[in-house]
Amino acid sequence: MQKSKSIKTPVLTLSDVKRLRELENENGLLKLLYADLLQKFSAMKDGLTRSAGVC
């Protein structure tokens, strides 16, 4: 008879939880930076098309 394989649940240590929280915070900051750059790029693109006379 074959033994059934048990699924091991990963255990998070305190340092794992802290690192995860740091990465989540960093990810949030990067998302804000990306949104800001996207907004600036869009504004520059609009300005260039208007100055070129293209509507």
N, C-alpha and C. Protein backbone atom coordinates (compact mmCIF):
# COMPACT_ATOMS: atom_id res chain seq x y z
N MET A 1 0.83 -1.17 0.00
CA MET A 1 0.00 0.00 0.00
C MET A 1 0.89 1.25 0.00
N GLN A 2 0.45 2.24 -0.76
CA GLN A 2 1.23 3.46 -0.88
C GLN A 2 0.80 4.46 0.20
N LYS A 3 1.79 5.12 0.77
CA LYS A 3 1.49 6.15 1.77
C LYS A 3 0.98 7.39 1.06
N SER A 4 -0.01 8.02 1.65
CA SER A 4 -0.51 9.27 1.06
C SER A 4 0.47 10.40 1.38
N LYS A 5 0.67 11.24 0.39
CA LYS A 5 1.58 12.37 0.58
C LYS A 5 0.83 13.49 1.27
N SER A 6 1.40 13.97 2.34
CA SER A 6 0.78 15.09 3.02
C SER A 6 1.31 16.39 2.44
N ILE A 7 0.45 17.34 2.37
CA ILE A 7 0.83 18.66 1.85
C ILE A 7 1.31 19.49 3.03
N LYS A 8 2.53 19.97 2.91
CA LYS A 8 3.10 20.78 3.98
C LYS A 8 2.73 22.24 3.76
N THR A 9 2.19 22.83 4.77
CA THR A 9 1.85 24.24 4.72
C THR A 9 3.10 25.04 5.06
N PRO A 10 3.45 26.00 4.19
CA PRO A 10 4.64 26.80 4.49
C PRO A 10 4.45 27.62 5.77
N VAL A 11 5.49 27.67 6.54
CA VAL A 11 5.45 28.41 7.80
C VAL A 11 6.21 29.71 7.61
N LEU A 12 5.56 30.81 7.92
CA LEU A 12 6.22 32.11 7.82
C LEU A 12 6.81 32.48 9.17
N THR A 13 8.06 32.84 9.13
CA THR A 13 8.72 33.29 10.36
C THR A 13 8.46 34.79 10.52
N LEU A 14 8.81 35.32 11.65
CA LEU A 14 8.64 36.74 11.89
C LEU A 14 9.44 37.57 10.89
N SER A 15 10.63 37.11 10.57
CA SER A 15 11.45 37.85 9.59
C SER A 15 10.82 37.78 8.20
N ASP A 16 10.17 36.67 7.88
CA ASP A 16 9.47 36.56 6.59
C ASP A 16 8.32 37.56 6.52
N VAL A 17 7.58 37.67 7.61
CA VAL A 17 6.46 38.59 7.66
C VAL A 17 6.94 40.03 7.54
N LYS A 18 8.02 40.37 8.21
CA LYS A 18 8.58 41.73 8.13
C LYS A 18 9.04 42.02 6.71
N ARG A 19 9.71 41.07 6.09
CA ARG A 19 10.20 41.27 4.71
C ARG A 19 9.03 41.42 3.75
N LEU A 20 7.99 40.62 3.93
CA LEU A 20 6.81 40.73 3.10
C LEU A 20 6.18 42.11 3.23
N ARG A 21 6.09 42.60 4.44
CA ARG A 21 5.52 43.93 4.68
C ARG A 21 6.38 45.01 4.01
N GLU A 22 7.71 44.87 4.09
CA GLU A 22 8.61 45.82 3.43
C GLU A 22 8.41 45.80 1.92
N LEU A 23 8.29 44.61 1.36
CA LEU A 23 8.11 44.49 -0.09
C LEU A 23 6.76 45.06 -0.53
N GLU A 24 5.74 44.86 0.29
CA GLU A 24 4.42 45.41 -0.04
C GLU A 24 4.47 46.94 0.00
N ASN A 25 5.17 47.52 0.98
CA ASN A 25 5.31 48.97 1.04
C ASN A 25 6.09 49.50 -0.15
N GLU A 26 7.17 48.82 -0.50
CA GLU A 26 7.97 49.24 -1.64
C GLU A 26 7.16 49.15 -2.93
N ASN A 27 6.37 48.09 -3.06
CA ASN A 27 5.53 47.92 -4.23
C ASN A 27 4.53 49.07 -4.34
N GLY A 28 3.95 49.47 -3.22
CA GLY A 28 3.01 50.59 -3.22
C GLY A 28 3.67 51.88 -3.66
N LEU A 29 4.88 52.12 -3.19
CA LEU A 29 5.62 53.32 -3.59
C LEU A 29 5.95 53.29 -5.08
N LEU A 30 6.35 52.14 -5.58
CA LEU A 30 6.66 52.02 -7.01
C LEU A 30 5.42 52.25 -7.87
N LYS A 31 4.27 51.80 -7.40
CA LYS A 31 3.03 52.03 -8.14
C LYS A 31 2.72 53.52 -8.20
N LEU A 32 2.95 54.23 -7.08
CA LEU A 32 2.71 55.67 -7.07
C LEU A 32 3.68 56.39 -8.01
N LEU A 33 4.95 55.98 -8.01
CA LEU A 33 5.93 56.59 -8.91
C LEU A 33 5.55 56.36 -10.37
N TYR A 34 5.11 55.15 -10.67
CA TYR A 34 4.71 54.81 -12.03
C TYR A 34 3.52 55.67 -12.46
N ALA A 35 2.53 55.81 -11.59
CA ALA A 35 1.36 56.62 -11.92
C ALA A 35 1.75 58.07 -12.15
N ASP A 36 2.67 58.59 -11.34
CA ASP A 36 3.14 59.96 -11.50
C ASP A 36 3.87 60.14 -12.83
N LEU A 37 4.74 59.21 -13.15
CA LEU A 37 5.47 59.29 -14.42
C LEU A 37 4.53 59.18 -15.62
N LEU A 38 3.55 58.31 -15.51
CA LEU A 38 2.58 58.15 -16.59
C LEU A 38 1.79 59.43 -16.80
N GLN A 39 1.43 60.10 -15.71
CA GLN A 39 0.69 61.36 -15.81
C GLN A 39 1.57 62.44 -16.43
N LYS A 40 2.84 62.50 -16.02
CA LYS A 40 3.75 63.50 -16.59
C LYS A 40 3.99 63.23 -18.08
N PHE A 41 4.16 61.98 -18.44
CA PHE A 41 4.38 61.62 -19.84
C PHE A 41 3.17 62.02 -20.69
N SER A 42 1.99 61.75 -20.16
CA SER A 42 0.77 62.09 -20.89
C SER A 42 0.66 63.60 -21.09
N ALA A 43 0.99 64.37 -20.05
CA ALA A 43 0.94 65.82 -20.15
C ALA A 43 1.97 66.33 -21.16
N MET A 44 3.17 65.77 -21.16
CA MET A 44 4.20 66.19 -22.11
C MET A 44 3.78 65.84 -23.53
N LYS A 45 3.21 64.67 -23.71
CA LYS A 45 2.77 64.23 -25.03
C LYS A 45 1.67 65.16 -25.55
N ASP A 46 0.71 65.54 -24.68
CA ASP A 46 -0.34 66.47 -25.07
C ASP A 46 0.25 67.83 -25.45
N GLY A 47 1.20 68.29 -24.67
CA GLY A 47 1.84 69.57 -24.98
C GLY A 47 2.59 69.55 -26.28
N LEU A 48 3.27 68.47 -26.59
CA LEU A 48 4.01 68.37 -27.84
C LEU A 48 3.08 68.32 -29.04
N THR A 49 1.99 67.57 -28.91
CA THR A 49 1.06 67.48 -30.05
C THR A 49 0.37 68.80 -30.29
N ARG A 50 0.10 69.55 -29.22
CA ARG A 50 -0.55 70.87 -29.39
C ARG A 50 0.44 71.87 -30.00
N SER A 51 1.71 71.81 -29.57
CA SER A 51 2.69 72.76 -30.11
C SER A 51 3.03 72.44 -31.57
N ALA A 52 2.83 71.18 -31.96
CA ALA A 52 3.11 70.80 -33.34
C ALA A 52 1.92 71.12 -34.24
N GLY A 53 0.81 71.50 -33.63
CA GLY A 53 -0.36 71.85 -34.41
C GLY A 53 -1.26 70.67 -34.75
N VAL A 54 -0.99 69.54 -34.13
CA VAL A 54 -1.81 68.36 -34.35
C VAL A 54 -2.86 68.29 -33.26
N CYS A 55 -4.12 68.21 -33.65
CA CYS A 55 -5.19 68.17 -32.64
C CYS A 55 -5.83 66.83 -32.56
